[in-house]
PDB file of N, CA and C in Angstrom:
ATOM      1  N   UNK A   1     235.603 -91.435 218.431  1.00  0.00           N
ATOM      2  CA  UNK A   1     234.820 -91.194 217.248  1.00  0.00           C
ATOM      3  C   UNK A   1     234.328 -92.539 216.715  1.00  0.00           C
ATOM      4  N   UNK A   2     233.090 -92.541 216.224  1.00  0.00           N
ATOM      5  CA  UNK A   2     232.536 -93.762 215.659  1.00  0.00           C
ATOM      6  C   UNK A   2     233.059 -93.986 214.245  1.00  0.00           C
ATOM      7  N   UNK A   3     233.422 -95.221 213.965  1.00  0.00           N
ATOM      8  CA  UNK A   3     233.833 -95.619 212.628  1.00  0.00           C
ATOM      9  C   UNK A   3     232.633 -96.264 211.939  1.00  0.00           C
ATOM     10  N   UNK A   4     231.944 -97.130 212.651  1.00  0.00           N
ATOM     11  CA  UNK A   4     230.792 -97.854 212.114  1.00  0.00           C
ATOM     12  C   UNK A   4     229.550 -97.458 212.904  1.00  0.00           C
ATOM     13  N   UNK A   5     228.679 -96.721 212.243  1.00  0.00           N
ATOM     14  CA  UNK A   5     227.448 -96.283 212.901  1.00  0.00           C
ATOM     15  C   UNK A   5     226.439 -97.426 213.022  1.00  0.00           C
ATOM     16  N   UNK A   6     226.450 -98.352 212.094  1.00  0.00           N
ATOM     17  CA  UNK A   6     225.487 -99.457 212.107  1.00  0.00           C
ATOM     18  C   UNK A   6     225.634-100.340 213.345  1.00  0.00           C
ATOM     19  N   UNK A   7     226.875-100.544 213.766  1.00  0.00           N
ATOM     20  CA  UNK A   7     227.140-101.430 214.902  1.00  0.00           C
ATOM     21  C   UNK A   7     227.806-100.699 216.071  1.00  0.00           C
ATOM     22  N   UNK A   8     227.799 -99.370 216.028  1.00  0.00           N
ATOM     23  CA  UNK A   8     228.350 -98.535 217.104  1.00  0.00           C
ATOM     24  C   UNK A   8     229.778 -98.938 217.473  1.00  0.00           C
ATOM     25  N   UNK A   9     230.627 -99.062 216.459  1.00  0.00           N
ATOM     26  CA  UNK A   9     232.028 -99.434 216.669  1.00  0.00           C
ATOM     27  C   UNK A   9     232.871 -98.167 216.602  1.00  0.00           C
ATOM     28  N   UNK A  10     233.688 -97.968 217.616  1.00  0.00           N
ATOM     29  CA  UNK A  10     234.517 -96.773 217.678  1.00  0.00           C
ATOM     30  C   UNK A  10     235.884 -97.012 217.035  1.00  0.00           C
ATOM     31  N   UNK A  11     236.564 -95.905 216.774  1.00  0.00           N
ATOM     32  CA  UNK A  11     237.910 -95.968 216.222  1.00  0.00           C
ATOM     33  C   UNK A  11     238.845 -96.706 217.171  1.00  0.00           C
ATOM     34  N   UNK A  12     238.667 -96.490 218.475  1.00  0.00           N
ATOM     35  CA  UNK A  12     239.503 -97.177 219.466  1.00  0.00           C
ATOM     36  C   UNK A  12     239.313 -98.695 219.407  1.00  0.00           C
ATOM     37  N   UNK A  13     238.066 -99.145 219.193  1.00  0.00           N
ATOM     38  CA  UNK A  13     237.819-100.586 219.094  1.00  0.00           C
ATOM     39  C   UNK A  13     238.523-101.171 217.861  1.00  0.00           C
ATOM     40  N   UNK A  14     238.484-100.448 216.755  1.00  0.00           N
ATOM     41  CA  UNK A  14     239.150-100.917 215.537  1.00  0.00           C
ATOM     42  C   UNK A  14     240.657-100.956 215.762  1.00  0.00           C
ATOM     43  N   UNK A  15     241.205 -99.914 216.397  1.00  0.00           N
ATOM     44  CA  UNK A  15     242.649 -99.886 216.669  1.00  0.00           C
ATOM     45  C   UNK A  15     243.061-101.033 217.586  1.00  0.00           C
ATOM     46  N   UNK A  16     242.223-101.360 218.578  1.00  0.00           N
ATOM     47  CA  UNK A  16     242.536-102.484 219.465  1.00  0.00           C
ATOM     48  C   UNK A  16     242.537-103.793 218.696  1.00  0.00           C
ATOM     49  N   UNK A  17     241.601-103.944 217.749  1.00  0.00           N
ATOM     50  CA  UNK A  17     241.561-105.158 216.931  1.00  0.00           C
ATOM     51  C   UNK A  17     242.810-105.256 216.063  1.00  0.00           C
ATOM     52  N   UNK A  18     243.257-104.126 215.533  1.00  0.00           N
ATOM     53  CA  UNK A  18     244.477-104.109 214.721  1.00  0.00           C
ATOM     54  C   UNK A  18     245.678-104.474 215.583  1.00  0.00           C
ATOM     55  N   UNK A  19     245.752-103.904 216.779  1.00  0.00           N
ATOM     56  CA  UNK A  19     246.852-104.224 217.700  1.00  0.00           C
ATOM     57  C   UNK A  19     246.834-105.694 218.111  1.00  0.00           C
ATOM     58  N   UNK A  20     245.619-106.299 218.118  1.00  0.00           N
ATOM     59  CA  UNK A  20     245.497-107.709 218.489  1.00  0.00           C
ATOM     60  C   UNK A  20     245.813-108.644 217.326  1.00  0.00           C
ATOM     61  N   UNK A  21     246.102-108.064 216.127  1.00  0.00           N
ATOM     62  CA  UNK A  21     246.525-108.901 215.017  1.00  0.00           C
ATOM     63  C   UNK A  21     245.657-108.854 213.779  1.00  0.00           C
ATOM     64  N   UNK A  22     244.535-108.143 213.810  1.00  0.00           N
ATOM     65  CA  UNK A  22     243.702-108.045 212.614  1.00  0.00           C
ATOM     66  C   UNK A  22     244.452-107.249 211.550  1.00  0.00           C
ATOM     67  N   UNK A  23     244.468-107.764 210.331  1.00  0.00           N
ATOM     68  CA  UNK A  23     245.216-107.104 209.265  1.00  0.00           C
ATOM     69  C   UNK A  23     244.393-106.784 208.036  1.00  0.00           C
ATOM     70  N   UNK A  24     243.105-107.149 208.062  1.00  0.00           N
ATOM     71  CA  UNK A  24     242.225-106.876 206.925  1.00  0.00           C
ATOM     72  C   UNK A  24     240.867-106.414 207.461  1.00  0.00           C
ATOM     73  N   UNK A  25     240.066-105.735 206.616  1.00  0.00           N
ATOM     74  CA  UNK A  25     238.720-105.352 207.055  1.00  0.00           C
ATOM     75  C   UNK A  25     237.875-106.559 207.461  1.00  0.00           C
ATOM     76  N   UNK A  26     238.051-107.684 206.800  1.00  0.00           N
ATOM     77  CA  UNK A  26     237.283-108.887 207.175  1.00  0.00           C
ATOM     78  C   UNK A  26     237.649-109.381 208.567  1.00  0.00           C
ATOM     79  N   UNK A  27     238.928-109.311 208.897  1.00  0.00           N
ATOM     80  CA  UNK A  27     239.338-109.729 210.235  1.00  0.00           C
ATOM     81  C   UNK A  27     238.785-108.774 211.288  1.00  0.00           C
ATOM     82  N   UNK A  28     238.727-107.505 210.967  1.00  0.00           N
ATOM     83  CA  UNK A  28     238.119-106.530 211.882  1.00  0.00           C
ATOM     84  C   UNK A  28     236.640-106.873 212.049  1.00  0.00           C
ATOM     85  N   UNK A  29     235.966-107.173 210.941  1.00  0.00           N
ATOM     86  CA  UNK A  29     234.533-107.467 210.965  1.00  0.00           C
ATOM     87  C   UNK A  29     234.219-108.704 211.800  1.00  0.00           C
ATOM     88  N   UNK A  30     235.091-109.686 211.768  1.00  0.00           N
ATOM     89  CA  UNK A  30     234.857-110.895 212.564  1.00  0.00           C
ATOM     90  C   UNK A  30     234.780-110.574 214.044  1.00  0.00           C
ATOM     91  N   UNK A  31     235.545-109.601 214.476  1.00  0.00           N
ATOM     92  CA  UNK A  31     235.577-109.278 215.891  1.00  0.00           C
ATOM     93  C   UNK A  31     234.476-108.340 216.352  1.00  0.00           C
ATOM     94  N   UNK A  32     234.119-107.355 215.533  1.00  0.00           N
ATOM     95  CA  UNK A  32     233.177-106.333 216.009  1.00  0.00           C
ATOM     96  C   UNK A  32     232.043-106.020 215.044  1.00  0.00           C
ATOM     97  N   UNK A  33     231.991-106.704 213.903  1.00  0.00           N
ATOM     98  CA  UNK A  33     230.958-106.543 212.877  1.00  0.00           C
ATOM     99  C   UNK A  33     231.044-105.238 212.098  1.00  0.00           C
ATOM    100  N   UNK A  34     232.055-104.426 212.333  1.00  0.00           N
ATOM    101  CA  UNK A  34     232.200-103.178 211.581  1.00  0.00           C
ATOM    102  C   UNK A  34     232.391-103.495 210.109  1.00  0.00           C
ATOM    103  N   UNK A  35     231.655-102.817 209.246  1.00  0.00           N
ATOM    104  CA  UNK A  35     231.776-103.007 207.814  1.00  0.00           C
ATOM    105  C   UNK A  35     230.907-104.112 207.250  1.00  0.00           C
ATOM    106  N   UNK A  36     230.053-104.724 208.071  1.00  0.00           N
ATOM    107  CA  UNK A  36     229.241-105.844 207.586  1.00  0.00           C
ATOM    108  C   UNK A  36     227.819-105.447 207.230  1.00  0.00           C
ATOM    109  N   UNK A  37     227.441-104.207 207.460  1.00  0.00           N
ATOM    110  CA  UNK A  37     226.064-103.814 207.164  1.00  0.00           C
ATOM    111  C   UNK A  37     226.032-102.935 205.917  1.00  0.00           C
ATOM    112  N   UNK A  38     226.103-101.640 206.064  1.00  0.00           N
ATOM    113  CA  UNK A  38     225.997-100.754 204.890  1.00  0.00           C
ATOM    114  C   UNK A  38     227.322-100.613 204.148  1.00  0.00           C
ATOM    115  N   UNK A  39     228.453-100.820 204.834  1.00  0.00           N
ATOM    116  CA  UNK A  39     229.759-100.773 204.195  1.00  0.00           C
ATOM    117  C   UNK A  39     230.388 -99.396 204.092  1.00  0.00           C
ATOM    118  N   UNK A  40     229.718 -98.366 204.580  1.00  0.00           N
ATOM    119  CA  UNK A  40     230.276 -97.018 204.445  1.00  0.00           C
ATOM    120  C   UNK A  40     231.520 -96.801 205.290  1.00  0.00           C
ATOM    121  N   UNK A  41     231.776 -97.655 206.250  1.00  0.00           N
ATOM    122  CA  UNK A  41     232.931 -97.486 207.127  1.00  0.00           C
ATOM    123  C   UNK A  41     234.172 -98.234 206.637  1.00  0.00           C
ATOM    124  N   UNK A  42     234.045 -99.021 205.593  1.00  0.00           N
ATOM    125  CA  UNK A  42     235.159 -99.876 205.160  1.00  0.00           C
ATOM    126  C   UNK A  42     236.372 -99.050 204.753  1.00  0.00           C
ATOM    127  N   UNK A  43     236.153 -97.926 204.084  1.00  0.00           N
ATOM    128  CA  UNK A  43     237.302 -97.094 203.686  1.00  0.00           C
ATOM    129  C   UNK A  43     238.032 -96.551 204.902  1.00  0.00           C
ATOM    130  N   UNK A  44     237.311 -96.159 205.921  1.00  0.00           N
ATOM    131  CA  UNK A  44     237.964 -95.661 207.143  1.00  0.00           C
ATOM    132  C   UNK A  44     238.727 -96.791 207.831  1.00  0.00           C
ATOM    133  N   UNK A  45     238.141 -97.974 207.839  1.00  0.00           N
ATOM    134  CA  UNK A  45     238.827 -99.128 208.424  1.00  0.00           C
ATOM    135  C   UNK A  45     240.108 -99.414 207.646  1.00  0.00           C
ATOM    136  N   UNK A  46     240.044 -99.353 206.318  1.00  0.00           N
ATOM    137  CA  UNK A  46     241.236 -99.562 205.497  1.00  0.00           C
ATOM    138  C   UNK A  46     242.293 -98.501 205.793  1.00  0.00           C
ATOM    139  N   UNK A  47     241.855 -97.262 205.994  1.00  0.00           N
ATOM    140  CA  UNK A  47     242.807 -96.196 206.318  1.00  0.00           C
ATOM    141  C   UNK A  47     243.477 -96.465 207.664  1.00  0.00           C
ATOM    142  N   UNK A  48     242.696 -96.899 208.643  1.00  0.00           N
ATOM    143  CA  UNK A  48     243.280 -97.215 209.956  1.00  0.00           C
ATOM    144  C   UNK A  48     244.257 -98.377 209.845  1.00  0.00           C
ATOM    145  N   UNK A  49     243.918 -99.361 209.038  1.00  0.00           N
ATOM    146  CA  UNK A  49     244.845-100.480 208.820  1.00  0.00           C
ATOM    147  C   UNK A  49     246.138 -99.976 208.190  1.00  0.00           C
ATOM    148  N   UNK A  50     246.022 -99.098 207.201  1.00  0.00           N
ATOM    149  CA  UNK A  50     247.199 -98.544 206.545  1.00  0.00           C
ATOM    150  C   UNK A  50     248.063 -97.730 207.482  1.00  0.00           C
ATOM    151  N   UNK A  51     247.427 -96.986 208.380  1.00  0.00           N
ATOM    152  CA  UNK A  51     248.168 -96.182 209.361  1.00  0.00           C
ATOM    153  C   UNK A  51     248.951 -97.072 210.319  1.00  0.00           C
ATOM    154  N   UNK A  52     248.487 -98.296 210.505  1.00  0.00           N
ATOM    155  CA  UNK A  52     249.155 -99.213 211.427  1.00  0.00           C
ATOM    156  C   UNK A  52     250.018-100.237 210.703  1.00  0.00           C
ATOM    157  N   UNK A  53     250.347 -99.949 209.435  1.00  0.00           N
ATOM    158  CA  UNK A  53     251.293-100.801 208.722  1.00  0.00           C
ATOM    159  C   UNK A  53     250.709-102.027 208.056  1.00  0.00           C
ATOM    160  N   UNK A  54     249.391-102.148 208.016  1.00  0.00           N
ATOM    161  CA  UNK A  54     248.788-103.294 207.335  1.00  0.00           C
ATOM    162  C   UNK A  54     248.841-103.070 205.832  1.00  0.00           C
ATOM    163  N   UNK A  55     248.535-104.091 205.080  1.00  0.00           N
ATOM    164  CA  UNK A  55     248.588-103.959 203.631  1.00  0.00           C
ATOM    165  C   UNK A  55     247.539-102.974 203.138  1.00  0.00           C
ATOM    166  N   UNK A  56     247.814-102.302 202.024  1.00  0.00           N
ATOM    167  CA  UNK A  56     246.850-101.335 201.508  1.00  0.00           C
ATOM    168  C   UNK A  56     245.623-102.039 200.940  1.00  0.00           C
ATOM    169  N   UNK A  57     244.587-101.268 200.725  1.00  0.00           N
ATOM    170  CA  UNK A  57     243.352-101.836 200.203  1.00  0.00           C
ATOM    171  C   UNK A  57     243.585-102.397 198.804  1.00  0.00           C
ATOM    172  N   UNK A  58     242.759-103.346 198.360  1.00  0.00           N
ATOM    173  CA  UNK A  58     242.947-103.967 197.044  1.00  0.00           C
ATOM    174  C   UNK A  58     242.941-102.951 195.903  1.00  0.00           C
ATOM    175  N   UNK A  59     242.139-101.914 195.999  1.00  0.00           N
ATOM    176  CA  UNK A  59     242.074-100.918 194.941  1.00  0.00           C
ATOM    177  C   UNK A  59     243.418-100.222 194.777  1.00  0.00           C
ATOM    178  N   UNK A  60     244.074 -99.890 195.860  1.00  0.00           N
ATOM    179  CA  UNK A  60     245.373 -99.226 195.797  1.00  0.00           C
ATOM    180  C   UNK A  60     246.418-100.165 195.199  1.00  0.00           C
ATOM    181  N   UNK A  61     246.367-101.436 195.560  1.00  0.00           N
ATOM    182  CA  UNK A  61     247.313-102.403 195.001  1.00  0.00           C
ATOM    183  C   UNK A  61     247.092-102.569 193.504  1.00  0.00           C
ATOM    184  N   UNK A  62     245.829-102.622 193.089  1.00  0.00           N
ATOM    185  CA  UNK A  62     245.534-102.772 191.666  1.00  0.00           C
ATOM    186  C   UNK A  62     245.991-101.547 190.885  1.00  0.00           C
ATOM    187  N   UNK A  63     245.757-100.359 191.426  1.00  0.00           N
ATOM    188  CA  UNK A  63     246.190 -99.132 190.757  1.00  0.00           C
ATOM    189  C   UNK A  63     247.711 -99.122 190.603  1.00  0.00           C
ATOM    190  N   UNK A  64     248.434 -99.538 191.626  1.00  0.00           N
ATOM    191  CA  UNK A  64     249.892 -99.573 191.550  1.00  0.00           C
ATOM    192  C   UNK A  64     250.359-100.607 190.522  1.00  0.00           C
ATOM    193  N   UNK A  65     249.677-101.751 190.481  1.00  0.00           N
ATOM    194  CA  UNK A  65     250.037-102.804 189.537  1.00  0.00           C
ATOM    195  C   UNK A  65     249.832-102.358 188.088  1.00  0.00           C
ATOM    196  N   UNK A  66     248.777-101.565 187.865  1.00  0.00           N
ATOM    197  CA  UNK A  66     248.471-101.084 186.522  1.00  0.00           C
ATOM    198  C   UNK A  66     249.252 -99.831 186.164  1.00  0.00           C
ATOM    199  N   UNK A  67     250.023 -99.307 187.114  1.00  0.00           N
ATOM    200  CA  UNK A  67     250.818 -98.116 186.853  1.00  0.00           C
ATOM    201  C   UNK A  67     250.003 -96.833 186.854  1.00  0.00           C
ATOM    202  N   UNK A  68     248.843 -96.863 187.498  1.00  0.00           N
ATOM    203  CA  UNK A  68     248.010 -95.669 187.584  1.00  0.00           C
ATOM    204  C   UNK A  68     248.508 -94.776 188.706  1.00  0.00           C
ATOM    205  N   UNK A  69     248.252 -93.504 188.571  1.00  0.00           N
ATOM    206  CA  UNK A  69     248.703 -92.546 189.581  1.00  0.00           C
ATOM    207  C   UNK A  69     247.935 -92.745 190.878  1.00  0.00           C
ATOM    208  N   UNK A  70     248.610 -92.456 191.966  1.00  0.00           N
ATOM    209  CA  UNK A  70     248.003 -92.509 193.290  1.00  0.00           C
ATOM    210  C   UNK A  70     247.074 -91.312 193.432  1.00  0.00           C
ATOM    211  N   UNK A  71     245.781 -91.526 193.782  1.00  0.00           N
ATOM    212  CA  UNK A  71     244.861 -90.395 193.885  1.00  0.00           C
ATOM    213  C   UNK A  71     245.296 -89.357 194.916  1.00  0.00           C
ATOM    214  N   UNK A  72     245.957 -89.779 195.987  1.00  0.00           N
ATOM    215  CA  UNK A  72     246.403 -88.824 196.997  1.00  0.00           C
ATOM    216  C   UNK A  72     247.560 -87.973 196.479  1.00  0.00           C
ATOM    217  N   UNK A  73     248.340 -88.516 195.548  1.00  0.00           N
ATOM    218  CA  UNK A  73     249.454 -87.762 194.993  1.00  0.00           C
ATOM    219  C   UNK A  73     248.966 -86.675 194.053  1.00  0.00           C
ATOM    220  N   UNK A  74     247.771 -86.836 193.559  1.00  0.00           N
ATOM    221  CA  UNK A  74     247.190 -85.858 192.642  1.00  0.00           C
ATOM    222  C   UNK A  74     246.279 -84.893 193.389  1.00  0.00           C
ATOM    223  N   UNK A  75     246.678 -84.487 194.567  1.00  0.00           N
ATOM    224  CA  UNK A  75     245.836 -83.627 195.393  1.00  0.00           C
ATOM    225  C   UNK A  75     245.584 -82.274 194.745  1.00  0.00           C
ATOM    226  N   UNK A  76     246.559 -81.748 194.033  1.00  0.00           N
ATOM    227  CA  UNK A  76     246.378 -80.440 193.394  1.00  0.00           C
ATOM    228  C   UNK A  76     245.612 -80.624 192.089  1.00  0.00           C
ATOM    229  N   UNK A  77     244.515 -79.896 191.918  1.00  0.00           N
ATOM    230  CA  UNK A  77     243.752 -80.041 190.679  1.00  0.00           C
ATOM    231  C   UNK A  77     244.507 -79.451 189.493  1.00  0.00           C
ATOM    232  N   UNK A  78     244.267 -80.008 188.337  1.00  0.00           N
ATOM    233  CA  UNK A  78     244.898 -79.525 187.116  1.00  0.00           C
ATOM    234  C   UNK A  78     244.334 -78.158 186.764  1.00  0.00           C
ATOM    235  N   UNK A  79     245.166 -77.274 186.214  1.00  0.00           N
ATOM    236  CA  UNK A  79     244.657 -75.954 185.858  1.00  0.00           C
ATOM    237  C   UNK A  79     243.609 -76.071 184.761  1.00  0.00           C
ATOM    238  N   UNK A  80     242.595 -75.236 184.872  1.00  0.00           N
ATOM    239  CA  UNK A  80     241.509 -75.244 183.903  1.00  0.00           C
ATOM    240  C   UNK A  80     241.725 -74.096 182.939  1.00  0.00           C
ATOM    241  N   UNK A  81     241.590 -74.381 181.657  1.00  0.00           N
ATOM    242  CA  UNK A  81     241.754 -73.340 180.646  1.00  0.00           C
ATOM    243  C   UNK A  81     240.619 -72.339 180.771  1.00  0.00           C
ATOM    244  N   UNK A  82     240.951 -71.084 180.604  1.00  0.00           N
ATOM    245  CA  UNK A  82     239.937 -70.040 180.707  1.00  0.00           C
ATOM    246  C   UNK A  82     238.998 -70.136 179.519  1.00  0.00           C
ATOM    247  N   UNK A  83     237.729 -70.150 179.798  1.00  0.00           N
ATOM    248  CA  UNK A  83     236.728 -70.233 178.743  1.00  0.00           C
ATOM    249  C   UNK A  83     236.193 -68.842 178.462  1.00  0.00           C
ATOM    250  N   UNK A  84     235.673 -68.669 177.276  1.00  0.00           N
ATOM    251  CA  UNK A  84     235.077 -67.387 176.923  1.00  0.00           C
ATOM    252  C   UNK A  84     233.832 -67.185 177.774  1.00  0.00           C
ATOM    253  N   UNK A  85     233.604 -65.963 178.237  1.00  0.00           N
ATOM    254  CA  UNK A  85     232.432 -65.739 179.080  1.00  0.00           C
ATOM    255  C   UNK A  85     231.150 -66.035 178.308  1.00  0.00           C
ATOM    256  N   UNK A  86     230.246 -66.698 178.986  1.00  0.00           N
ATOM    257  CA  UNK A  86     228.979 -67.053 178.359  1.00  0.00           C
ATOM    258  C   UNK A  86     228.069 -65.833 178.322  1.00  0.00           C
ATOM    259  N   UNK A  87     227.288 -65.738 177.289  1.00  0.00           N
ATOM    260  CA  UNK A  87     226.337 -64.646 177.171  1.00  0.00           C
ATOM    261  C   UNK A  87     225.031 -65.094 177.789  1.00  0.00           C
ATOM    262  N   UNK A  88     224.529 -64.310 178.706  1.00  0.00           N
ATOM    263  CA  UNK A  88     223.288 -64.653 179.376  1.00  0.00           C
ATOM    264  C   UNK A  88     222.119 -63.996 178.676  1.00  0.00           C
ATOM    265  N   UNK A  89     221.045 -64.754 178.589  1.00  0.00           N
ATOM    266  CA  UNK A  89     219.831 -64.204 177.994  1.00  0.00           C
ATOM    267  C   UNK A  89     219.165 -63.293 179.001  1.00  0.00           C
ATOM    268  N   UNK A  90     218.510 -62.226 178.563  1.00  0.00           N
ATOM    269  CA  UNK A  90     217.823 -61.341 179.499  1.00  0.00           C
ATOM    270  C   UNK A  90     216.676 -62.093 180.166  1.00  0.00           C
ATOM    271  N   UNK A  91     216.443 -61.759 181.420  1.00  0.00           N
ATOM    272  CA  UNK A  91     215.396 -62.401 182.207  1.00  0.00           C
ATOM    273  C   UNK A  91     214.270 -61.399 182.414  1.00  0.00           C
ATOM    274  N   UNK A  92     213.055 -61.850 182.187  1.00  0.00           N
ATOM    275  CA  UNK A  92     211.899 -60.975 182.385  1.00  0.00           C
ATOM    276  C   UNK A  92     211.645 -60.816 183.876  1.00  0.00           C
ATOM    277  N   UNK A  93     211.248 -59.618 184.321  1.00  0.00           N
ATOM    278  CA  UNK A  93     210.975 -59.417 185.739  1.00  0.00           C
ATOM    279  C   UNK A  93     209.757 -60.225 186.187  1.00  0.00           C
ATOM    280  N   UNK A  94     209.767 -60.601 187.452  1.00  0.00           N
ATOM    281  CA  UNK A  94     208.650 -61.366 188.026  1.00  0.00           C
ATOM    282  C   UNK A  94     207.484 -60.430 188.269  1.00  0.00           C
ATOM    283  N   UNK A  95     206.283 -60.924 188.063  1.00  0.00           N
ATOM    284  CA  UNK A  95     205.086 -60.142 188.319  1.00  0.00           C
ATOM    285  C   UNK A  95     204.375 -60.724 189.513  1.00  0.00           C
ATOM    286  N   UNK A  96     203.832 -59.863 190.316  1.00  0.00           N
ATOM    287  CA  UNK A  96     203.075 -60.324 191.483  1.00  0.00           C
ATOM    288  C   UNK A  96     201.778 -60.974 191.014  1.00  0.00           C
ATOM    289  N   UNK A  97     201.430 -62.079 191.618  1.00  0.00           N
ATOM    290  CA  UNK A  97     200.218 -62.782 191.201  1.00  0.00           C
ATOM    291  C   UNK A  97     198.986 -62.275 191.895  1.00  0.00           C
TER     292      UNK A  97
END
């Protein structure tokens, strides 16, 4: 599967870079340029790094430092209070032109 469409970098290439010692998205980018163009693949690269024991992304570290909840831990949405049903205005029928 492709991780970086801009530079045609596959998941296997990123995993090989991680196995070779890359521990950050920048180190991955130095080897294969993944994440250096549009940046849409950086989160996937960070996830692959995390799966292989590398440090978490800076956003996750900052959230932990500030005592904010982990977004993955909040997977279940909060219950929504039932609202009163809205009254719909009558709609006039369409006329053929």
